[in-house]
Structures are given as C-alpha cells and as structure tokens.
C-alpha cells in the first residue's frame, strides 16, 4: 500500500527540484542582468528567458492537458542535441566575451533578439492555450477521444504556431547573446528539426482528419520559411 504513495512523493520531489532549479536560475539571471558588468547583462537576460520558457512549458501543460503531464513536460531533457546546442551557445558566449567583450554589448542586435524571444514565447503559449487538451508535446499515433482539429485563434495564422514560436524563440536567444556562429547553427538546425517534425505530424493529422485537414492546408501555411508540410498527392 505504501509503494504508490512513495512513487507519487518521489515524482513531486522531482517536480519541485526542477521548478526550484529554474526559479533559482531566473533569480540569478535577473541579478546578473541588473547588477553585472555590461558585457554580462545579455547573458543574465538569456538565462532568465531560458528558465521562464522551461518552467512555463510545464505549467501551461498542467493547465491545458494534465493527463499528458510528466517530468518531460519541462522540456529540460528534450534531446541530447538540444543539450549540446545549449552548452555550445554558452561556450561561444564565454570565449567571445573573453577575447572581444565589446561583441556582447551590441544592443542593436540584442534588443531585436530579446523581442524575438518574447514574441516566440508568446506565440507558443497562445498556441498551447488555444489548442487546450488537443495539444501534446509528443506526436500522437492514434486519435484520442475528443481530439478535434483546431483552426481558430493563432491557428488561423499558421498551422503550427507552437513550432513557429519555438523556432523564432531559439533564433532570438542567439541574436540576444550576439553569438554569430550559434545564430547560424541554431537557425539551420531548428529549421531542419521542424521540417521533419511537421512532416511527421501532418501525416498523422491527415490520418485523423482527412479532407478537413487537406482543406485547412490549402487555407493556412505552416508559418515557417520554405516549409510546406506534408502534401497528400491526389
């Protein structure tokens, strides 16, 4: 009888640990952004944005689709490639700041990057809230009861607003940090990832919704440059 209670307690401990870590990261980032040397300020802003993104992924999922909620909903362990990309961007920032600290004080680049992060985050969360229980971090292989095709709200603008938001958020983080190498790398890697992801997801959506989704594809684009999605050839 104790085993289920112990497992639940262990799960909540893991949630609290991750949430606490992200909260501390947010605090450190804000302190760095306000009190540190000017060449460190953008890194503090970046850390704050990163922590808000991952915490809000879990929180929003808890609100809209608690059945799918898990530790993976934080997206901290999204993939090995995601972790390598993050560490790579930190290393680039530190090396370039050490060699050329003035590179990290180019505010006419950092400010648009910050705005891209905020806009991308807003778009993604609006997509999640609009889709509600129809949203899931994992591509579904079968249609759940009550799963409907969402075409209103931000889904009138793009078929994949959550991916559009995440794409521009990721690009914005590197523009914010003034990381020229990772800016190119993140743009290319994110584009390739979402091109594959959208193709896989649209195959399942066509299986789920058939002609309704075909008509939706004709009305609304993917929202990402040079990505058409999966087209059913008739």
C-alpha atoms as a PDB file:
ATOM      1  CA  UNK A   1       0.000   0.000   0.000  1.00  0.00           C
ATOM      2  CA  UNK A   2       2.924   2.348   0.576  1.00  0.00           C
ATOM      3  CA  UNK A   3       4.504   1.863  -2.826  1.00  0.00           C
ATOM      4  CA  UNK A   4       2.077   4.125  -4.803  1.00  0.00           C
ATOM      5  CA  UNK A   5       2.356   6.878  -2.171  1.00  0.00           C
ATOM      6  CA  UNK A   6       6.142   6.648  -2.229  1.00  0.00           C
ATOM      7  CA  UNK A   7       6.169   6.852  -6.037  1.00  0.00           C
ATOM      8  CA  UNK A   8       3.888   9.901  -6.022  1.00  0.00           C
ATOM      9  CA  UNK A   9       6.033  11.578  -3.374  1.00  0.00           C
ATOM     10  CA  UNK A  10       9.152  10.827  -5.420  1.00  0.00           C
ATOM     11  CA  UNK A  11       7.533  12.332  -8.517  1.00  0.00           C
ATOM     12  CA  UNK A  12       6.540  15.528  -6.692  1.00  0.00           C
ATOM     13  CA  UNK A  13      10.051  15.766  -5.279  1.00  0.00           C
ATOM     14  CA  UNK A  14      11.446  15.664  -8.825  1.00  0.00           C
ATOM     15  CA  UNK A  15       8.960  18.312  -9.965  1.00  0.00           C
ATOM     16  CA  UNK A  16       9.842  20.552  -7.013  1.00  0.00           C
ATOM     17  CA  UNK A  17      13.563  20.074  -7.643  1.00  0.00           C
ATOM     18  CA  UNK A  18      13.254  21.106 -11.296  1.00  0.00           C
ATOM     19  CA  UNK A  19      10.936  24.012 -10.557  1.00  0.00           C
ATOM     20  CA  UNK A  20      13.242  25.196  -7.765  1.00  0.00           C
ATOM     21  CA  UNK A  21      16.276  24.960 -10.036  1.00  0.00           C
ATOM     22  CA  UNK A  22      14.532  27.007 -12.721  1.00  0.00           C
ATOM     23  CA  UNK A  23      13.389  29.543 -10.135  1.00  0.00           C
ATOM     24  CA  UNK A  24      16.930  29.949  -8.847  1.00  0.00           C
ATOM     25  CA  UNK A  25      18.182  30.281 -12.403  1.00  0.00           C
ATOM     26  CA  UNK A  26      15.640  33.019 -13.039  1.00  0.00           C
ATOM     27  CA  UNK A  27      16.769  34.872  -9.930  1.00  0.00           C
ATOM     28  CA  UNK A  28      20.448  34.577 -10.826  1.00  0.00           C
ATOM     29  CA  UNK A  29      19.717  35.718 -14.356  1.00  0.00           C
ATOM     30  CA  UNK A  30      17.827  38.799 -13.194  1.00  0.00           C
ATOM     31  CA  UNK A  31      20.578  39.747 -10.724  1.00  0.00           C
ATOM     32  CA  UNK A  32      23.170  39.321 -13.471  1.00  0.00           C
ATOM     33  CA  UNK A  33      21.097  41.412 -15.885  1.00  0.00           C
ATOM     34  CA  UNK A  34      20.718  44.265 -13.381  1.00  0.00           C
ATOM     35  CA  UNK A  35      23.962  44.330 -11.398  1.00  0.00           C
ATOM     36  CA  UNK A  36      26.705  42.819 -13.546  1.00  0.00           C
ATOM     37  CA  UNK A  37      29.142  44.355 -15.992  1.00  0.00           C
ATOM     38  CA  UNK A  38      27.500  45.463 -19.260  1.00  0.00           C
ATOM     39  CA  UNK A  39      29.008  42.597 -21.264  1.00  0.00           C
ATOM     40  CA  UNK A  40      27.361  40.086 -18.894  1.00  0.00           C
ATOM     41  CA  UNK A  41      23.903  41.665 -18.932  1.00  0.00           C
ATOM     42  CA  UNK A  42      22.684  39.887 -22.055  1.00  0.00           C
ATOM     43  CA  UNK A  43      23.705  36.530 -20.580  1.00  0.00           C
ATOM     44  CA  UNK A  44      21.642  37.291 -17.484  1.00  0.00           C
ATOM     45  CA  UNK A  45      18.650  38.164 -19.653  1.00  0.00           C
ATOM     46  CA  UNK A  46      19.186  34.982 -21.657  1.00  0.00           C
ATOM     47  CA  UNK A  47      19.298  32.803 -18.523  1.00  0.00           C
ATOM     48  CA  UNK A  48      16.062  34.393 -17.290  1.00  0.00           C
ATOM     49  CA  UNK A  49      14.348  33.796 -20.639  1.00  0.00           C
ATOM     50  CA  UNK A  50      15.564  30.193 -20.736  1.00  0.00           C
ATOM     51  CA  UNK A  51      14.253  29.428 -17.234  1.00  0.00           C
ATOM     52  CA  UNK A  52      10.885  31.076 -17.897  1.00  0.00           C
ATOM     53  CA  UNK A  53      10.479  29.063 -21.102  1.00  0.00           C
ATOM     54  CA  UNK A  54      11.080  25.678 -19.484  1.00  0.00           C
ATOM     55  CA  UNK A  55       9.019  26.374 -16.372  1.00  0.00           C
ATOM     56  CA  UNK A  56       6.108  27.771 -18.390  1.00  0.00           C
ATOM     57  CA  UNK A  57       6.085  24.655 -20.595  1.00  0.00           C
ATOM     58  CA  UNK A  58       5.314  22.509 -17.555  1.00  0.00           C
ATOM     59  CA  UNK A  59       2.884  24.999 -16.037  1.00  0.00           C
ATOM     60  CA  UNK A  60       0.925  25.504 -19.254  1.00  0.00           C
ATOM     61  CA  UNK A  61       0.723  21.754 -19.872  1.00  0.00           C
ATOM     62  CA  UNK A  62      -0.593  21.306 -16.321  1.00  0.00           C
ATOM     63  CA  UNK A  63      -3.366  23.786 -17.093  1.00  0.00           C
ATOM     64  CA  UNK A  64      -4.420  22.644 -20.567  1.00  0.00           C
ATOM     65  CA  UNK A  65      -3.758  18.903 -20.601  1.00  0.00           C
ATOM     66  CA  UNK A  66      -2.938  17.464 -17.159  1.00  0.00           C
ATOM     67  CA  UNK A  67      -3.393  13.908 -18.458  1.00  0.00           C
ATOM     68  CA  UNK A  68      -0.225  14.253 -20.529  1.00  0.00           C
ATOM     69  CA  UNK A  69       1.764  15.970 -17.769  1.00  0.00           C
ATOM     70  CA  UNK A  70       5.115  14.417 -16.881  1.00  0.00           C
ATOM     71  CA  UNK A  71       8.647  15.443 -15.937  1.00  0.00           C
ATOM     72  CA  UNK A  72       9.376  15.612 -19.661  1.00  0.00           C
ATOM     73  CA  UNK A  73       6.885  18.487 -19.908  1.00  0.00           C
ATOM     74  CA  UNK A  74       9.621  20.810 -18.635  1.00  0.00           C
ATOM     75  CA  UNK A  75      11.476  20.011 -21.902  1.00  0.00           C
ATOM     76  CA  UNK A  76      14.749  20.299 -19.988  1.00  0.00           C
ATOM     77  CA  UNK A  77      15.794  16.887 -21.308  1.00  0.00           C
ATOM     78  CA  UNK A  78      14.261  17.493 -24.732  1.00  0.00           C
ATOM     79  CA  UNK A  79      17.087  15.677 -26.532  1.00  0.00           C
ATOM     80  CA  UNK A  80      20.839  15.201 -26.439  1.00  0.00           C
ATOM     81  CA  UNK A  81      21.156  17.566 -29.403  1.00  0.00           C
ATOM     82  CA  UNK A  82      19.223  20.254 -27.541  1.00  0.00           C
ATOM     83  CA  UNK A  83      21.579  19.981 -24.578  1.00  0.00           C
ATOM     84  CA  UNK A  84      24.677  20.089 -26.779  1.00  0.00           C
ATOM     85  CA  UNK A  85      23.327  23.158 -28.593  1.00  0.00           C
ATOM     86  CA  UNK A  86      22.697  24.946 -25.289  1.00  0.00           C
ATOM     87  CA  UNK A  87      26.172  24.205 -23.933  1.00  0.00           C
ATOM     88  CA  UNK A  88      27.667  25.203 -27.285  1.00  0.00           C
ATOM     89  CA  UNK A  89      25.987  28.602 -27.133  1.00  0.00           C
ATOM     90  CA  UNK A  90      27.291  29.165 -23.585  1.00  0.00           C
ATOM     91  CA  UNK A  91      30.811  28.258 -24.644  1.00  0.00           C
ATOM     92  CA  UNK A  92      30.678  30.581 -27.638  1.00  0.00           C
ATOM     93  CA  UNK A  93      29.456  33.432 -25.458  1.00  0.00           C
ATOM     94  CA  UNK A  94      32.201  32.900 -22.861  1.00  0.00           C
ATOM     95  CA  UNK A  95      35.008  32.558 -25.398  1.00  0.00           C
ATOM     96  CA  UNK A  96      33.947  35.590 -27.416  1.00  0.00           C
ATOM     97  CA  UNK A  97      33.360  37.657 -24.314  1.00  0.00           C
ATOM     98  CA  UNK A  98      36.844  36.788 -23.045  1.00  0.00           C
ATOM     99  CA  UNK A  99      38.503  37.663 -26.368  1.00  0.00           C
ATOM    100  CA  UNK A 100      36.260  40.522 -27.509  1.00  0.00           C
ATOM    101  CA  UNK A 101      33.965  41.678 -24.679  1.00  0.00           C
ATOM    102  CA  UNK A 102      32.651  44.512 -26.852  1.00  0.00           C
ATOM    103  CA  UNK A 103      30.959  41.849 -29.043  1.00  0.00           C
ATOM    104  CA  UNK A 104      28.467  41.264 -26.220  1.00  0.00           C
ATOM    105  CA  UNK A 105      27.449  44.911 -26.000  1.00  0.00           C
ATOM    106  CA  UNK A 106      25.892  45.262 -29.438  1.00  0.00           C
ATOM    107  CA  UNK A 107      22.440  46.296 -28.238  1.00  0.00           C
ATOM    108  CA  UNK A 108      21.043  46.934 -31.712  1.00  0.00           C
ATOM    109  CA  UNK A 109      21.316  43.139 -32.153  1.00  0.00           C
ATOM    110  CA  UNK A 110      20.438  42.071 -28.614  1.00  0.00           C
ATOM    111  CA  UNK A 111      17.216  44.086 -28.436  1.00  0.00           C
ATOM    112  CA  UNK A 112      15.688  42.522 -31.601  1.00  0.00           C
ATOM    113  CA  UNK A 113      16.816  39.145 -30.238  1.00  0.00           C
ATOM    114  CA  UNK A 114      15.027  39.821 -26.965  1.00  0.00           C
ATOM    115  CA  UNK A 115      11.874  40.834 -28.844  1.00  0.00           C
ATOM    116  CA  UNK A 116      12.056  37.640 -30.921  1.00  0.00           C
ATOM    117  CA  UNK A 117      12.293  35.602 -27.711  1.00  0.00           C
ATOM    118  CA  UNK A 118       9.293  37.355 -26.171  1.00  0.00           C
ATOM    119  CA  UNK A 119       7.263  37.143 -29.377  1.00  0.00           C
ATOM    120  CA  UNK A 120       8.138  33.496 -29.948  1.00  0.00           C
ATOM    121  CA  UNK A 121       7.335  32.558 -26.361  1.00  0.00           C
ATOM    122  CA  UNK A 122       4.021  34.416 -26.562  1.00  0.00           C
ATOM    123  CA  UNK A 123       3.101  32.717 -29.837  1.00  0.00           C
ATOM    124  CA  UNK A 124       3.921  29.255 -28.446  1.00  0.00           C
ATOM    125  CA  UNK A 125       1.948  29.703 -25.248  1.00  0.00           C
ATOM    126  CA  UNK A 126      -1.022  31.166 -27.142  1.00  0.00           C
ATOM    127  CA  UNK A 127      -0.930  28.088 -29.375  1.00  0.00           C
ATOM    128  CA  UNK A 128      -0.906  25.753 -26.372  1.00  0.00           C
ATOM    129  CA  UNK A 129      -3.739  27.587 -24.632  1.00  0.00           C
ATOM    130  CA  UNK A 130      -5.821  27.754 -27.814  1.00  0.00           C
ATOM    131  CA  UNK A 131      -5.380  24.051 -28.553  1.00  0.00           C
ATOM    132  CA  UNK A 132      -6.110  23.096 -24.939  1.00  0.00           C
ATOM    133  CA  UNK A 133      -6.318  19.359 -24.379  1.00  0.00           C
ATOM    134  CA  UNK A 134      -5.623  18.811 -28.092  1.00  0.00           C
ATOM    135  CA  UNK A 135      -2.003  19.918 -27.534  1.00  0.00           C
ATOM    136  CA  UNK A 136       0.670  17.366 -26.719  1.00  0.00           C
ATOM    137  CA  UNK A 137       4.457  17.526 -26.699  1.00  0.00           C
ATOM    138  CA  UNK A 138       4.564  14.080 -28.307  1.00  0.00           C
ATOM    139  CA  UNK A 139       3.197  13.301 -31.779  1.00  0.00           C
ATOM    140  CA  UNK A 140       0.213  11.024 -31.260  1.00  0.00           C
ATOM    141  CA  UNK A 141      -0.073   7.766 -33.200  1.00  0.00           C
ATOM    142  CA  UNK A 142      -3.823   7.411 -32.628  1.00  0.00           C
ATOM    143  CA  UNK A 143      -6.671   9.858 -32.240  1.00  0.00           C
ATOM    144  CA  UNK A 144      -7.806  10.357 -28.666  1.00  0.00           C
ATOM    145  CA  UNK A 145     -11.495  10.687 -27.836  1.00  0.00           C
ATOM    146  CA  UNK A 146     -12.476  14.350 -28.067  1.00  0.00           C
ATOM    147  CA  UNK A 147      -9.443  15.288 -30.174  1.00  0.00           C
ATOM    148  CA  UNK A 148     -10.565  17.960 -32.635  1.00  0.00           C
ATOM    149  CA  UNK A 149      -8.889  19.928 -35.413  1.00  0.00           C
ATOM    150  CA  UNK A 150      -8.128  23.389 -34.042  1.00  0.00           C
ATOM    151  CA  UNK A 151      -8.280  26.109 -36.715  1.00  0.00           C
ATOM    152  CA  UNK A 152      -9.225  29.230 -34.760  1.00  0.00           C
ATOM    153  CA  UNK A 153      -7.179  31.820 -32.890  1.00  0.00           C
ATOM    154  CA  UNK A 154      -3.470  31.745 -33.772  1.00  0.00           C
ATOM    155  CA  UNK A 155      -4.168  28.625 -35.838  1.00  0.00           C
ATOM    156  CA  UNK A 156      -5.794  30.943 -38.380  1.00  0.00           C
ATOM    157  CA  UNK A 157      -2.369  32.470 -38.970  1.00  0.00           C
ATOM    158  CA  UNK A 158      -0.256  29.314 -39.123  1.00  0.00           C
ATOM    159  CA  UNK A 159      -0.918  25.582 -38.954  1.00  0.00           C
ATOM    160  CA  UNK A 160       1.889  25.133 -36.422  1.00  0.00           C
ATOM    161  CA  UNK A 161       2.039  28.230 -34.188  1.00  0.00           C
ATOM    162  CA  UNK A 162       3.771  26.347 -31.353  1.00  0.00           C
ATOM    163  CA  UNK A 163       6.612  25.375 -33.691  1.00  0.00           C
ATOM    164  CA  UNK A 164       6.768  28.848 -35.211  1.00  0.00           C
ATOM    165  CA  UNK A 165       7.058  30.333 -31.741  1.00  0.00           C
ATOM    166  CA  UNK A 166       9.745  27.898 -30.664  1.00  0.00           C
ATOM    167  CA  UNK A 167      11.724  28.421 -33.892  1.00  0.00           C
ATOM    168  CA  UNK A 168      11.877  32.195 -33.529  1.00  0.00           C
ATOM    169  CA  UNK A 169      12.491  31.917 -29.776  1.00  0.00           C
ATOM    170  CA  UNK A 170      15.557  29.726 -30.394  1.00  0.00           C
ATOM    171  CA  UNK A 171      16.903  32.054 -33.081  1.00  0.00           C
ATOM    172  CA  UNK A 172      16.214  35.034 -30.827  1.00  0.00           C
ATOM    173  CA  UNK A 173      18.282  33.601 -27.975  1.00  0.00           C
ATOM    174  CA  UNK A 174      21.416  33.601 -30.128  1.00  0.00           C
ATOM    175  CA  UNK A 175      20.728  37.047 -31.532  1.00  0.00           C
ATOM    176  CA  UNK A 176      20.304  38.240 -27.948  1.00  0.00           C
ATOM    177  CA  UNK A 177      23.680  36.736 -26.992  1.00  0.00           C
ATOM    178  CA  UNK A 178      25.334  38.124 -30.150  1.00  0.00           C
ATOM    179  CA  UNK A 179      26.583  34.602 -30.947  1.00  0.00           C
ATOM    180  CA  UNK A 180      27.268  34.673 -34.718  1.00  0.00           C
ATOM    181  CA  UNK A 181      28.295  31.005 -35.010  1.00  0.00           C
ATOM    182  CA  UNK A 182      25.378  29.637 -32.989  1.00  0.00           C
ATOM    183  CA  UNK A 183      22.958  32.043 -34.656  1.00  0.00           C
ATOM    184  CA  UNK A 184      23.647  30.315 -37.964  1.00  0.00           C
ATOM    185  CA  UNK A 185      23.816  26.875 -36.360  1.00  0.00           C
ATOM    186  CA  UNK A 186      20.560  27.297 -34.407  1.00  0.00           C
ATOM    187  CA  UNK A 187      18.733  28.636 -37.457  1.00  0.00           C
ATOM    188  CA  UNK A 188      19.774  25.724 -39.672  1.00  0.00           C
ATOM    189  CA  UNK A 189      19.334  23.026 -37.010  1.00  0.00           C
ATOM    190  CA  UNK A 190      15.943  24.348 -35.865  1.00  0.00           C
ATOM    191  CA  UNK A 191      14.710  24.634 -39.442  1.00  0.00           C
ATOM    192  CA  UNK A 192      15.710  21.046 -40.218  1.00  0.00           C
ATOM    193  CA  UNK A 193      14.185  19.768 -36.978  1.00  0.00           C
ATOM    194  CA  UNK A 194      10.836  21.459 -37.545  1.00  0.00           C
ATOM    195  CA  UNK A 195      10.719  20.487 -41.217  1.00  0.00           C
ATOM    196  CA  UNK A 196      10.975  16.819 -40.218  1.00  0.00           C
ATOM    197  CA  UNK A 197       8.659  17.254 -37.225  1.00  0.00           C
ATOM    198  CA  UNK A 198       5.953  18.996 -39.262  1.00  0.00           C
ATOM    199  CA  UNK A 199       6.069  16.327 -41.961  1.00  0.00           C
ATOM    200  CA  UNK A 200       5.671  13.543 -39.387  1.00  0.00           C
ATOM    201  CA  UNK A 201       2.892  15.368 -37.548  1.00  0.00           C
ATOM    202  CA  UNK A 202       0.923  16.218 -40.681  1.00  0.00           C
ATOM    203  CA  UNK A 203       0.904  12.587 -41.783  1.00  0.00           C
ATOM    204  CA  UNK A 204      -0.908  11.723 -38.542  1.00  0.00           C
ATOM    205  CA  UNK A 205      -3.207  14.750 -38.813  1.00  0.00           C
ATOM    206  CA  UNK A 206      -4.222  13.730 -42.321  1.00  0.00           C
ATOM    207  CA  UNK A 207      -4.987  10.243 -40.985  1.00  0.00           C
ATOM    208  CA  UNK A 208      -7.033  11.752 -38.146  1.00  0.00           C
ATOM    209  CA  UNK A 209      -8.977  14.434 -40.018  1.00  0.00           C
ATOM    210  CA  UNK A 210      -8.747  13.537 -43.701  1.00  0.00           C
ATOM    211  CA  UNK A 211     -10.284  16.056 -46.082  1.00  0.00           C
ATOM    212  CA  UNK A 212     -10.824  18.615 -43.314  1.00  0.00           C
ATOM    213  CA  UNK A 213      -7.082  18.840 -42.840  1.00  0.00           C
ATOM    214  CA  UNK A 214      -6.435  18.971 -46.591  1.00  0.00           C
ATOM    215  CA  UNK A 215      -8.736  21.993 -46.835  1.00  0.00           C
ATOM    216  CA  UNK A 216      -7.025  23.558 -43.815  1.00  0.00           C
ATOM    217  CA  UNK A 217      -3.640  23.090 -45.508  1.00  0.00           C
ATOM    218  CA  UNK A 218      -4.927  24.962 -48.554  1.00  0.00           C
ATOM    219  CA  UNK A 219      -6.119  27.913 -46.445  1.00  0.00           C
ATOM    220  CA  UNK A 220      -3.248  28.278 -43.983  1.00  0.00           C
ATOM    221  CA  UNK A 221       0.533  27.877 -44.346  1.00  0.00           C
ATOM    222  CA  UNK A 222       2.936  26.271 -41.893  1.00  0.00           C
ATOM    223  CA  UNK A 223       4.259  29.678 -40.819  1.00  0.00           C
ATOM    224  CA  UNK A 224       7.914  28.630 -41.200  1.00  0.00           C
ATOM    225  CA  UNK A 225      10.026  29.762 -44.176  1.00  0.00           C
ATOM    226  CA  UNK A 226      10.320  27.281 -47.046  1.00  0.00           C
ATOM    227  CA  UNK A 227       8.441  24.531 -45.177  1.00  0.00           C
ATOM    228  CA  UNK A 228       5.249  23.392 -46.923  1.00  0.00           C
ATOM    229  CA  UNK A 229       4.490  20.393 -44.720  1.00  0.00           C
ATOM    230  CA  UNK A 230       3.256  17.031 -45.927  1.00  0.00           C
ATOM    231  CA  UNK A 231       1.043  17.311 -49.002  1.00  0.00           C
ATOM    232  CA  UNK A 232      -1.303  14.488 -49.913  1.00  0.00           C
ATOM    233  CA  UNK A 233      -0.988  13.917 -53.628  1.00  0.00           C
ATOM    234  CA  UNK A 234      -4.408  13.179 -55.107  1.00  0.00           C
END
